[in-house]
C-alpha cells in the first residue's frame, strides 16, 4: 500500500512535468522541432550510457535503497529549473542537462522497480500488482496533463516542475517507510566482472523465444513512437490550434482510458492468455490510433479525433503493458531480472527512441508535422507483425514458454 500510494503521487507529478517540459521549451524558450528532438535525445542518451550498468547494479545490490536515492536526487534536479528561471539564467542547455541527469536516475529506477515488486508481493501476484500500479499511472494521466496545462497557464511552466519535485520526495519517503524486509541478494558465487554479467543478460534476451520478439518489436515501436514524442505537442498546439488547457484535456483522456484498462487488465489476461491479450490489445490501439494523423476540420472535430485514440488506445495499451511486464517477470529468473529490464530499456529508450526523434525532426522539416505523425502511427502498427509471427499467440500462461537449453 505504501509503494502504491507513493507511486501514485510520483506518477501524477511526472505527468505534470511531461506536460510542462515541452511547453516550457516551446512557449518560454522558443524551441522548434530540432530542439524538441534534442530533449528526447538527452533523455535517451542517459538510458544508453547507464542502462546496462544500472541493470548489473540492480542485480548485485538491494533494490529499495536504489529506488529511494533515485527519487530524492530527481527531486533536487527538478527544483533547479524554477530556481534558474527566477535567477534569469534558464536556457535550453540547462533543460538538456536536467533531462539527461533525470534520465540517468530514471533508468536506474526503471531497472530496479520491476525487479523489486515480485520480491515485495510474490511472483504469483504480479499481474494484480502491476494492474494496481497501472491504475496509479492512469489516475496520473487523468489529472496530470490537465493539472500541468492549468499550472502552465496559471503560474508558468518553470514553476509547474515543483509539483514533480515534491512528488519524488513523497515517493522516496513512502519507500523508506516500507517495513517489509527485502530479501537479501543471493551470495555471489561467480567471479564474473560486471561486463560479463551484462553480457549474460544480453545472451538471455538473444536466445529467449519470448524476450527476443518483444525486444525487436519494441525497437521498431519506439523509433515510430518517437515521432509522437517529438511532434505531438507541436501537432496539437500549432497544427490543430489547441490551447494549453485543451492539450491537457486531450492527454488526460488517455488517463481515463488507461484507468479502465488497468481495472480490466487481469480479467482480459485471464480470459485470453498473456500472448493473445498482448497482441489483440496492441492491434486495437493501432486501429483507433489512425484517427490522430487524420485529425482536422473544425476545432471540435479535430479535438474529438485526437481525444478518442487517447481514451480508447491508451486503455488497450495499458492492458498490453501489464501483460508484457507480468510475462517477463514470470519467465525471467529474479537474479537476472534487473539486467533484462535494463537491456529492454536500453534498446527501446536508449537506442531506438533517440534515433526516431532525430528522424522525426528531419522528416517533419521535409514533409511536415502531420506527415511525421502519420509515419509514426504506421511504424507502430507494422511492429505488431513481429508479435504475430512469434510464439506469443500460443502463450496463454508463462508455463507455455519453452526455453532451449
Protein backbone atom coordinates (compact mmCIF):
# COMPACT_ATOMS: atom_id res chain seq x y z
CA UNK A 1 0.00 0.00 0.00
CA UNK A 2 2.85 2.41 0.80
CA UNK A 3 4.52 1.61 -2.50
CA UNK A 4 1.24 2.07 -4.35
CA UNK A 5 0.43 5.41 -2.71
CA UNK A 6 3.93 6.76 -3.26
CA UNK A 7 3.98 5.77 -6.90
CA UNK A 8 0.53 7.25 -7.47
CA UNK A 9 1.73 10.64 -6.22
CA UNK A 10 5.02 10.34 -8.11
CA UNK A 11 3.24 9.39 -11.33
CA UNK A 12 0.99 12.44 -11.02
CA UNK A 13 3.99 14.73 -10.65
CA UNK A 14 5.82 13.08 -13.54
CA UNK A 15 2.89 13.58 -15.90
CA UNK A 16 2.75 17.25 -14.90
CA UNK A 17 6.43 17.55 -15.83
CA UNK A 18 5.95 15.58 -19.04
CA UNK A 19 3.32 18.14 -19.99
CA UNK A 20 5.23 21.17 -18.74
CA UNK A 21 8.72 20.44 -20.14
CA UNK A 22 7.78 20.55 -23.85
CA UNK A 23 5.52 23.55 -23.20
CA UNK A 24 8.40 25.23 -21.35
CA UNK A 25 10.72 24.56 -24.29
CA UNK A 26 8.12 25.63 -26.86
CA UNK A 27 6.46 28.64 -25.21
CA UNK A 28 9.17 30.04 -22.90
CA UNK A 29 12.45 29.14 -24.61
CA UNK A 30 11.20 29.22 -28.22
CA UNK A 31 12.20 25.66 -29.17
CA UNK A 32 11.49 24.24 -32.62
CA UNK A 33 11.36 20.61 -33.88
CA UNK A 34 15.16 20.22 -33.67
CA UNK A 35 15.35 21.48 -30.08
CA UNK A 36 12.37 19.29 -29.14
CA UNK A 37 14.21 16.32 -30.67
CA UNK A 38 17.32 17.15 -28.64
CA UNK A 39 15.23 16.98 -25.46
CA UNK A 40 14.23 13.44 -26.38
CA UNK A 41 17.81 12.58 -27.30
CA UNK A 42 19.08 13.92 -23.96
CA UNK A 43 16.82 11.57 -22.03
CA UNK A 44 17.58 8.65 -24.33
CA UNK A 45 21.34 9.22 -24.19
CA UNK A 46 21.11 8.76 -20.42
CA UNK A 47 19.46 5.37 -20.91
CA UNK A 48 22.09 4.34 -23.44
CA UNK A 49 25.06 5.35 -21.29
CA UNK A 50 24.00 3.96 -17.92
CA UNK A 51 21.33 1.38 -18.75
CA UNK A 52 23.42 -1.79 -18.82
CA UNK A 53 25.42 -0.74 -15.75
CA UNK A 54 22.20 0.06 -13.90
CA UNK A 55 20.86 -3.41 -14.60
CA UNK A 56 24.01 -5.06 -13.29
CA UNK A 57 23.96 -2.92 -10.12
CA UNK A 58 20.32 -3.77 -9.52
CA UNK A 59 21.13 -7.49 -9.62
CA UNK A 60 24.04 -7.01 -7.20
CA UNK A 61 22.50 -4.62 -4.65
CA UNK A 62 19.31 -4.32 -2.63
CA UNK A 63 16.70 -2.65 -4.79
CA UNK A 64 14.77 -0.48 -2.30
CA UNK A 65 17.68 1.83 -1.31
CA UNK A 66 18.38 2.40 -5.00
CA UNK A 67 14.77 3.44 -5.54
CA UNK A 68 14.84 5.84 -2.58
CA UNK A 69 18.03 7.61 -3.65
CA UNK A 70 16.91 7.84 -7.28
CA UNK A 71 13.72 9.64 -6.22
CA UNK A 72 15.49 12.00 -3.80
CA UNK A 73 18.09 13.07 -6.36
CA UNK A 74 15.47 13.56 -9.08
CA UNK A 75 13.62 15.94 -6.76
CA UNK A 76 16.75 18.06 -6.34
CA UNK A 77 17.28 18.22 -10.11
CA UNK A 78 13.76 19.43 -10.83
CA UNK A 79 13.94 22.13 -8.16
CA UNK A 80 16.86 23.63 -10.12
CA UNK A 81 14.62 24.64 -13.05
CA UNK A 82 12.40 27.19 -11.25
CA UNK A 83 15.47 28.36 -9.32
CA UNK A 84 17.33 29.09 -12.57
CA UNK A 85 14.27 30.77 -14.06
CA UNK A 86 13.98 33.09 -11.06
CA UNK A 87 17.67 33.92 -11.42
CA UNK A 88 17.16 34.71 -15.11
CA UNK A 89 19.64 32.11 -16.34
CA UNK A 90 17.37 29.29 -17.53
CA UNK A 91 18.18 28.14 -21.06
CA UNK A 92 17.82 25.10 -23.27
CA UNK A 93 21.30 23.96 -22.21
CA UNK A 94 20.18 23.54 -18.58
CA UNK A 95 16.99 21.85 -19.72
CA UNK A 96 19.03 19.34 -21.73
CA UNK A 97 21.28 18.69 -18.71
CA UNK A 98 18.41 18.24 -16.26
CA UNK A 99 16.59 15.92 -18.66
CA UNK A 100 19.81 13.91 -19.14
CA UNK A 101 20.60 13.52 -15.43
CA UNK A 102 16.97 12.80 -14.56
CA UNK A 103 17.04 10.18 -17.31
CA UNK A 104 20.10 8.52 -15.72
CA UNK A 105 18.31 8.25 -12.39
CA UNK A 106 15.06 7.16 -14.04
CA UNK A 107 16.95 4.38 -15.82
CA UNK A 108 18.25 3.08 -12.50
CA UNK A 109 14.74 3.31 -11.05
CA UNK A 110 13.21 1.56 -14.07
CA UNK A 111 15.66 -1.32 -13.80
CA UNK A 112 15.15 -1.74 -10.06
CA UNK A 113 11.40 -1.19 -9.78
CA UNK A 114 10.05 -4.22 -11.73
CA UNK A 115 12.68 -6.38 -10.02
CA UNK A 116 11.63 -5.12 -6.55
CA UNK A 117 7.87 -5.65 -6.96
CA UNK A 118 7.94 -9.51 -7.17
CA UNK A 119 10.10 -9.69 -4.04
CA UNK A 120 7.61 -7.46 -2.21
CA UNK A 121 4.30 -9.11 -3.17
CA UNK A 122 5.29 -12.53 -4.58
CA UNK A 123 5.54 -13.74 -8.15
CA UNK A 124 2.03 -15.23 -8.06
CA UNK A 125 0.52 -11.74 -7.56
CA UNK A 126 2.45 -9.72 -10.13
CA UNK A 127 -0.50 -9.40 -12.56
CA UNK A 128 -2.65 -7.99 -9.75
CA UNK A 129 0.20 -5.78 -8.53
CA UNK A 130 1.09 -4.48 -11.99
CA UNK A 131 -2.59 -3.76 -12.65
CA UNK A 132 -2.80 -1.68 -9.47
CA UNK A 133 0.38 0.18 -10.33
CA UNK A 134 -1.01 0.78 -13.82
CA UNK A 135 -4.08 2.25 -12.11
CA UNK A 136 -1.74 4.74 -10.42
CA UNK A 137 -0.33 5.77 -13.77
CA UNK A 138 -3.84 6.02 -15.18
CA UNK A 139 -5.03 8.28 -12.38
CA UNK A 140 -2.00 10.45 -13.03
CA UNK A 141 -2.80 10.56 -16.74
CA UNK A 142 -6.32 11.72 -15.90
CA UNK A 143 -5.36 14.57 -13.61
CA UNK A 144 -1.74 15.24 -14.57
CA UNK A 145 -1.98 16.74 -18.07
CA UNK A 146 -4.94 18.96 -17.19
CA UNK A 147 -3.18 19.99 -13.99
CA UNK A 148 0.04 20.53 -15.92
CA UNK A 149 -1.63 22.60 -18.62
CA UNK A 150 -3.54 24.60 -16.00
CA UNK A 151 -0.38 25.21 -13.95
CA UNK A 152 1.49 26.34 -17.07
CA UNK A 153 -1.23 28.91 -17.76
CA UNK A 154 -1.60 29.91 -14.09
CA UNK A 155 1.95 30.07 -12.73
CA UNK A 156 4.15 29.32 -15.75
CA UNK A 157 5.91 26.18 -16.99
CA UNK A 158 9.09 26.57 -14.86
CA UNK A 159 7.14 26.56 -11.59
CA UNK A 160 4.98 23.60 -12.64
CA UNK A 161 8.15 21.49 -12.17
CA UNK A 162 7.89 22.00 -8.41
CA UNK A 163 4.91 19.62 -8.35
CA UNK A 164 7.01 16.76 -9.70
CA UNK A 165 9.92 17.56 -7.40
CA UNK A 166 7.64 17.33 -4.37
CA UNK A 167 6.07 14.12 -5.70
CA UNK A 168 9.52 12.49 -5.91
CA UNK A 169 10.16 13.41 -2.28
CA UNK A 170 6.83 11.83 -1.27
CA UNK A 171 7.71 8.69 -3.22
CA UNK A 172 11.11 8.45 -1.54
CA UNK A 173 9.50 8.80 1.89
CA UNK A 174 6.86 6.17 1.11
CA UNK A 175 9.55 3.71 0.03
CA UNK A 176 11.57 4.45 3.18
CA UNK A 177 8.51 3.73 5.34
CA UNK A 178 8.04 0.20 3.95
CA UNK A 179 8.75 -2.24 6.76
CA UNK A 180 8.51 -5.47 4.77
CA UNK A 181 12.12 -6.70 4.69
CA UNK A 182 13.62 -7.02 1.23
CA UNK A 183 15.14 -10.48 0.70
CA UNK A 184 18.94 -10.25 0.69
CA UNK A 185 20.62 -10.55 -2.67
CA UNK A 186 21.96 -14.06 -3.31
CA UNK A 187 25.57 -14.56 -2.33
CA UNK A 188 27.68 -14.11 -5.41
CA UNK A 189 29.44 -17.36 -6.24
CA UNK A 190 30.66 -16.21 -9.64
CA UNK A 191 33.88 -14.28 -10.19
CA UNK A 192 32.48 -12.69 -13.36
CA UNK A 193 33.07 -8.97 -13.67
CA UNK A 194 30.32 -6.50 -14.41
CA UNK A 195 30.85 -6.65 -18.18
CA UNK A 196 30.43 -10.42 -18.16
CA UNK A 197 27.25 -10.07 -16.11
CA UNK A 198 25.87 -7.53 -18.59
CA UNK A 199 26.70 -9.92 -21.43
CA UNK A 200 24.87 -12.71 -19.58
CA UNK A 201 21.71 -10.61 -19.58
CA UNK A 202 22.06 -9.83 -23.29
CA UNK A 203 22.60 -13.50 -24.09
CA UNK A 204 19.39 -14.45 -22.30
CA UNK A 205 17.45 -11.87 -24.31
CA UNK A 206 19.03 -13.03 -27.59
CA UNK A 207 18.15 -16.69 -27.21
CA UNK A 208 14.81 -16.33 -25.44
CA UNK A 209 11.75 -17.20 -27.62
CA UNK A 210 9.57 -14.51 -25.98
CA UNK A 211 12.03 -11.80 -24.99
CA UNK A 212 13.63 -11.54 -28.43
CA UNK A 213 10.43 -10.75 -30.39
CA UNK A 214 9.35 -8.36 -27.63
CA UNK A 215 12.67 -6.51 -27.89
CA UNK A 216 12.62 -6.40 -31.70
CA UNK A 217 9.06 -5.12 -31.70
CA UNK A 218 9.92 -2.59 -29.01
CA UNK A 219 12.79 -1.20 -31.10
CA UNK A 220 10.54 -0.55 -34.10
CA UNK A 221 7.69 0.75 -31.95
CA UNK A 222 9.97 3.18 -30.10
CA UNK A 223 11.53 4.51 -33.31
CA UNK A 224 7.97 5.17 -34.51
CA UNK A 225 6.76 6.33 -31.10
CA UNK A 226 9.49 8.98 -31.02
CA UNK A 227 7.65 10.74 -33.85
CA UNK A 228 4.81 11.31 -31.38
CA UNK A 229 7.24 12.25 -28.61
CA UNK A 230 8.83 14.96 -30.73
CA UNK A 231 5.90 16.17 -32.82
CA UNK A 232 2.72 15.56 -30.82
CA UNK A 233 2.82 18.82 -28.85
CA UNK A 234 3.64 20.83 -31.98
CA UNK A 235 0.91 18.97 -33.90
CA UNK A 236 -1.80 19.69 -31.33
CA UNK A 237 -0.76 23.25 -30.48
CA UNK A 238 0.45 24.62 -33.84
CA UNK A 239 -1.34 22.48 -36.45
CA UNK A 240 -4.67 21.79 -34.70
CA UNK A 241 -4.59 25.05 -32.67
CA UNK A 242 -5.39 23.55 -29.26
CA UNK A 243 -4.79 25.74 -26.22
CA UNK A 244 -2.55 24.51 -23.40
CA UNK A 245 -5.70 23.64 -21.44
CA UNK A 246 -7.27 21.67 -24.32
CA UNK A 247 -3.96 19.92 -24.86
CA UNK A 248 -4.04 18.83 -21.23
CA UNK A 249 -7.66 17.67 -21.56
CA UNK A 250 -6.83 15.53 -24.61
CA UNK A 251 -3.87 13.86 -22.91
CA UNK A 252 -5.98 13.39 -19.77
CA UNK A 253 -8.40 11.31 -21.84
CA UNK A 254 -5.59 8.80 -22.16
CA UNK A 255 -5.54 8.58 -18.39
CA UNK A 256 -9.24 7.76 -18.26
CA UNK A 257 -8.73 5.02 -20.83
CA UNK A 258 -5.67 3.72 -19.01
CA UNK A 259 -7.62 3.60 -15.75
CA UNK A 260 -10.32 1.48 -17.34
CA UNK A 261 -7.67 -0.70 -18.97
CA UNK A 262 -5.86 -1.22 -15.66
CA UNK A 263 -9.10 -2.29 -13.96
CA UNK A 264 -9.81 -4.88 -16.64
CA UNK A 265 -6.24 -5.99 -17.42
CA UNK A 266 -6.17 -9.01 -15.11
CA UNK A 267 -9.55 -10.21 -16.40
CA UNK A 268 -8.54 -9.84 -20.04
CA UNK A 269 -5.26 -11.66 -19.43
CA UNK A 270 -7.07 -14.45 -17.55
CA UNK A 271 -9.63 -14.79 -20.36
CA UNK A 272 -7.35 -14.57 -23.40
CA UNK A 273 -3.96 -15.56 -22.00
CA UNK A 274 -0.80 -13.47 -21.83
CA UNK A 275 0.23 -13.58 -25.50
CA UNK A 276 -3.19 -13.13 -27.15
CA UNK A 277 -4.10 -10.34 -24.70
CA UNK A 278 -0.88 -8.54 -25.57
CA UNK A 279 -1.37 -8.87 -29.34
CA UNK A 280 -5.09 -8.05 -29.51
CA UNK A 281 -4.80 -5.01 -27.27
CA UNK A 282 -1.89 -3.67 -29.35
CA UNK A 283 -3.88 -4.25 -32.54
CA UNK A 284 -6.95 -2.47 -31.21
CA UNK A 285 -4.89 0.53 -30.11
CA UNK A 286 -3.37 0.72 -33.59
CA UNK A 287 -6.75 0.64 -35.32
CA UNK A 288 -8.21 3.53 -33.31
CA UNK A 289 -4.87 5.37 -33.47
CA UNK A 290 -5.23 6.09 -37.20
CA UNK A 291 -7.60 8.94 -36.28
CA UNK A 292 -4.69 11.01 -34.92
CA UNK A 293 -2.87 11.72 -38.21
CA UNK A 294 -6.27 12.22 -39.92
CA UNK A 295 -7.45 14.84 -37.40
CA UNK A 296 -8.60 18.17 -38.83
CA UNK A 297 -11.60 20.33 -39.70
CA UNK A 298 -13.44 22.41 -37.10
CA UNK A 299 -11.79 22.56 -33.69
CA UNK A 300 -14.46 20.36 -32.08
CA UNK A 301 -13.96 17.63 -34.68
CA UNK A 302 -10.17 17.84 -34.50
CA UNK A 303 -10.27 17.55 -30.71
CA UNK A 304 -12.57 14.52 -30.95
CA UNK A 305 -10.25 12.79 -33.42
CA UNK A 306 -7.25 13.07 -31.11
CA UNK A 307 -9.37 12.52 -27.98
CA UNK A 308 -10.65 9.06 -28.96
CA UNK A 309 -7.22 7.47 -29.62
CA UNK A 310 -6.12 8.75 -26.23
CA UNK A 311 -9.23 7.42 -24.50
CA UNK A 312 -9.53 4.01 -26.17
CA UNK A 313 -5.98 3.44 -27.40
CA UNK A 314 -4.32 4.17 -24.08
CA UNK A 315 -6.69 1.78 -22.33
CA UNK A 316 -5.73 -1.03 -24.68
CA UNK A 317 -2.04 -0.17 -24.40
CA UNK A 318 -2.31 -0.41 -20.61
CA UNK A 319 -3.61 -3.97 -20.91
CA UNK A 320 -0.77 -4.70 -23.33
CA UNK A 321 1.79 -3.26 -20.91
CA UNK A 322 0.52 -5.21 -17.90
CA UNK A 323 0.52 -8.45 -19.91
CA UNK A 324 4.05 -7.86 -21.22
CA UNK A 325 5.61 -6.85 -17.89
CA UNK A 326 3.91 -9.65 -15.95
CA UNK A 327 5.01 -12.22 -18.51
CA UNK A 328 8.61 -11.02 -18.35
CA UNK A 329 8.59 -11.10 -14.53
CA UNK A 330 7.31 -14.68 -14.65
CA UNK A 331 9.71 -16.11 -17.22
CA UNK A 332 12.97 -14.35 -16.20
CA UNK A 333 14.80 -15.55 -13.05
CA UNK A 334 14.87 -12.85 -10.35
CA UNK A 335 18.65 -12.90 -10.06
CA UNK A 336 18.96 -11.63 -13.65
CA UNK A 337 15.74 -9.62 -13.89
CA UNK A 338 17.45 -6.26 -13.35
CA UNK A 339 19.80 -6.84 -16.28
CA UNK A 340 16.95 -7.95 -18.54
CA UNK A 341 14.87 -4.90 -17.58
CA UNK A 342 17.86 -2.68 -18.29
CA UNK A 343 18.52 -4.33 -21.66
CA UNK A 344 14.92 -3.77 -22.72
CA UNK A 345 15.18 -0.14 -21.60
CA UNK A 346 18.47 0.48 -23.43
CA UNK A 347 17.26 -0.98 -26.72
CA UNK A 348 13.93 0.86 -26.59
CA UNK A 349 14.68 4.24 -24.97
CA UNK A 350 18.46 4.37 -25.26
CA UNK A 351 18.86 3.43 -28.94
CA UNK A 352 15.54 3.30 -30.78
CA UNK A 353 13.85 6.36 -29.30
CA UNK A 354 16.63 8.92 -29.96
CA UNK A 355 17.12 7.59 -33.49
CA UNK A 356 13.41 8.01 -34.05
CA UNK A 357 13.49 11.50 -32.55
CA UNK A 358 16.21 12.69 -34.91
CA UNK A 359 14.45 11.04 -37.83
CA UNK A 360 11.19 12.70 -36.81
CA UNK A 361 12.78 16.15 -36.71
CA UNK A 362 14.36 15.65 -40.13
CA UNK A 363 11.22 14.29 -41.81
CA UNK A 364 8.96 16.89 -40.17
CA UNK A 365 11.11 19.64 -41.67
CA UNK A 366 10.83 17.98 -45.08
CA UNK A 367 7.33 16.51 -45.15
CA UNK A 368 5.56 18.43 -42.41
CA UNK A 369 4.44 17.63 -38.86
CA UNK A 370 1.23 15.82 -39.87
CA UNK A 371 3.14 13.51 -42.20
CA UNK A 372 5.57 12.76 -39.38
CA UNK A 373 2.69 11.79 -37.09
CA UNK A 374 1.35 9.51 -39.86
CA UNK A 375 4.74 7.81 -40.27
CA UNK A 376 4.89 7.26 -36.52
CA UNK A 377 1.47 5.62 -36.48
CA UNK A 378 2.34 3.36 -39.45
CA UNK A 379 5.57 2.20 -37.85
CA UNK A 380 3.89 1.32 -34.58
CA UNK A 381 1.17 -0.59 -36.41
CA UNK A 382 3.71 -2.53 -38.50
CA UNK A 383 5.70 -3.54 -35.40
CA UNK A 384 2.79 -5.74 -34.23
CA UNK A 385 3.60 -8.21 -37.02
CA UNK A 386 6.70 -9.29 -35.08
CA UNK A 387 4.45 -10.38 -32.22
CA UNK A 388 2.03 -12.19 -34.51
CA UNK A 389 4.88 -14.15 -36.12
CA UNK A 390 6.41 -15.10 -32.75
CA UNK A 391 5.37 -17.85 -30.28
CA UNK A 392 3.26 -15.28 -28.37
CA UNK A 393 -0.11 -16.16 -29.97
CA UNK A 394 0.26 -19.60 -28.35
CA UNK A 395 1.44 -18.34 -24.94
CA UNK A 396 -1.55 -18.36 -22.61
CA UNK A 397 0.41 -18.99 -19.40
CA UNK A 398 4.08 -18.41 -18.50
CA UNK A 399 4.49 -22.18 -18.28
CA UNK A 400 3.81 -22.34 -22.04
CA UNK A 401 7.14 -20.65 -22.70
CA UNK A 402 9.77 -23.21 -23.68
CA UNK A 403 13.38 -22.03 -23.49
CA UNK A 404 16.01 -24.11 -25.27
CA UNK A 405 18.82 -25.21 -23.01
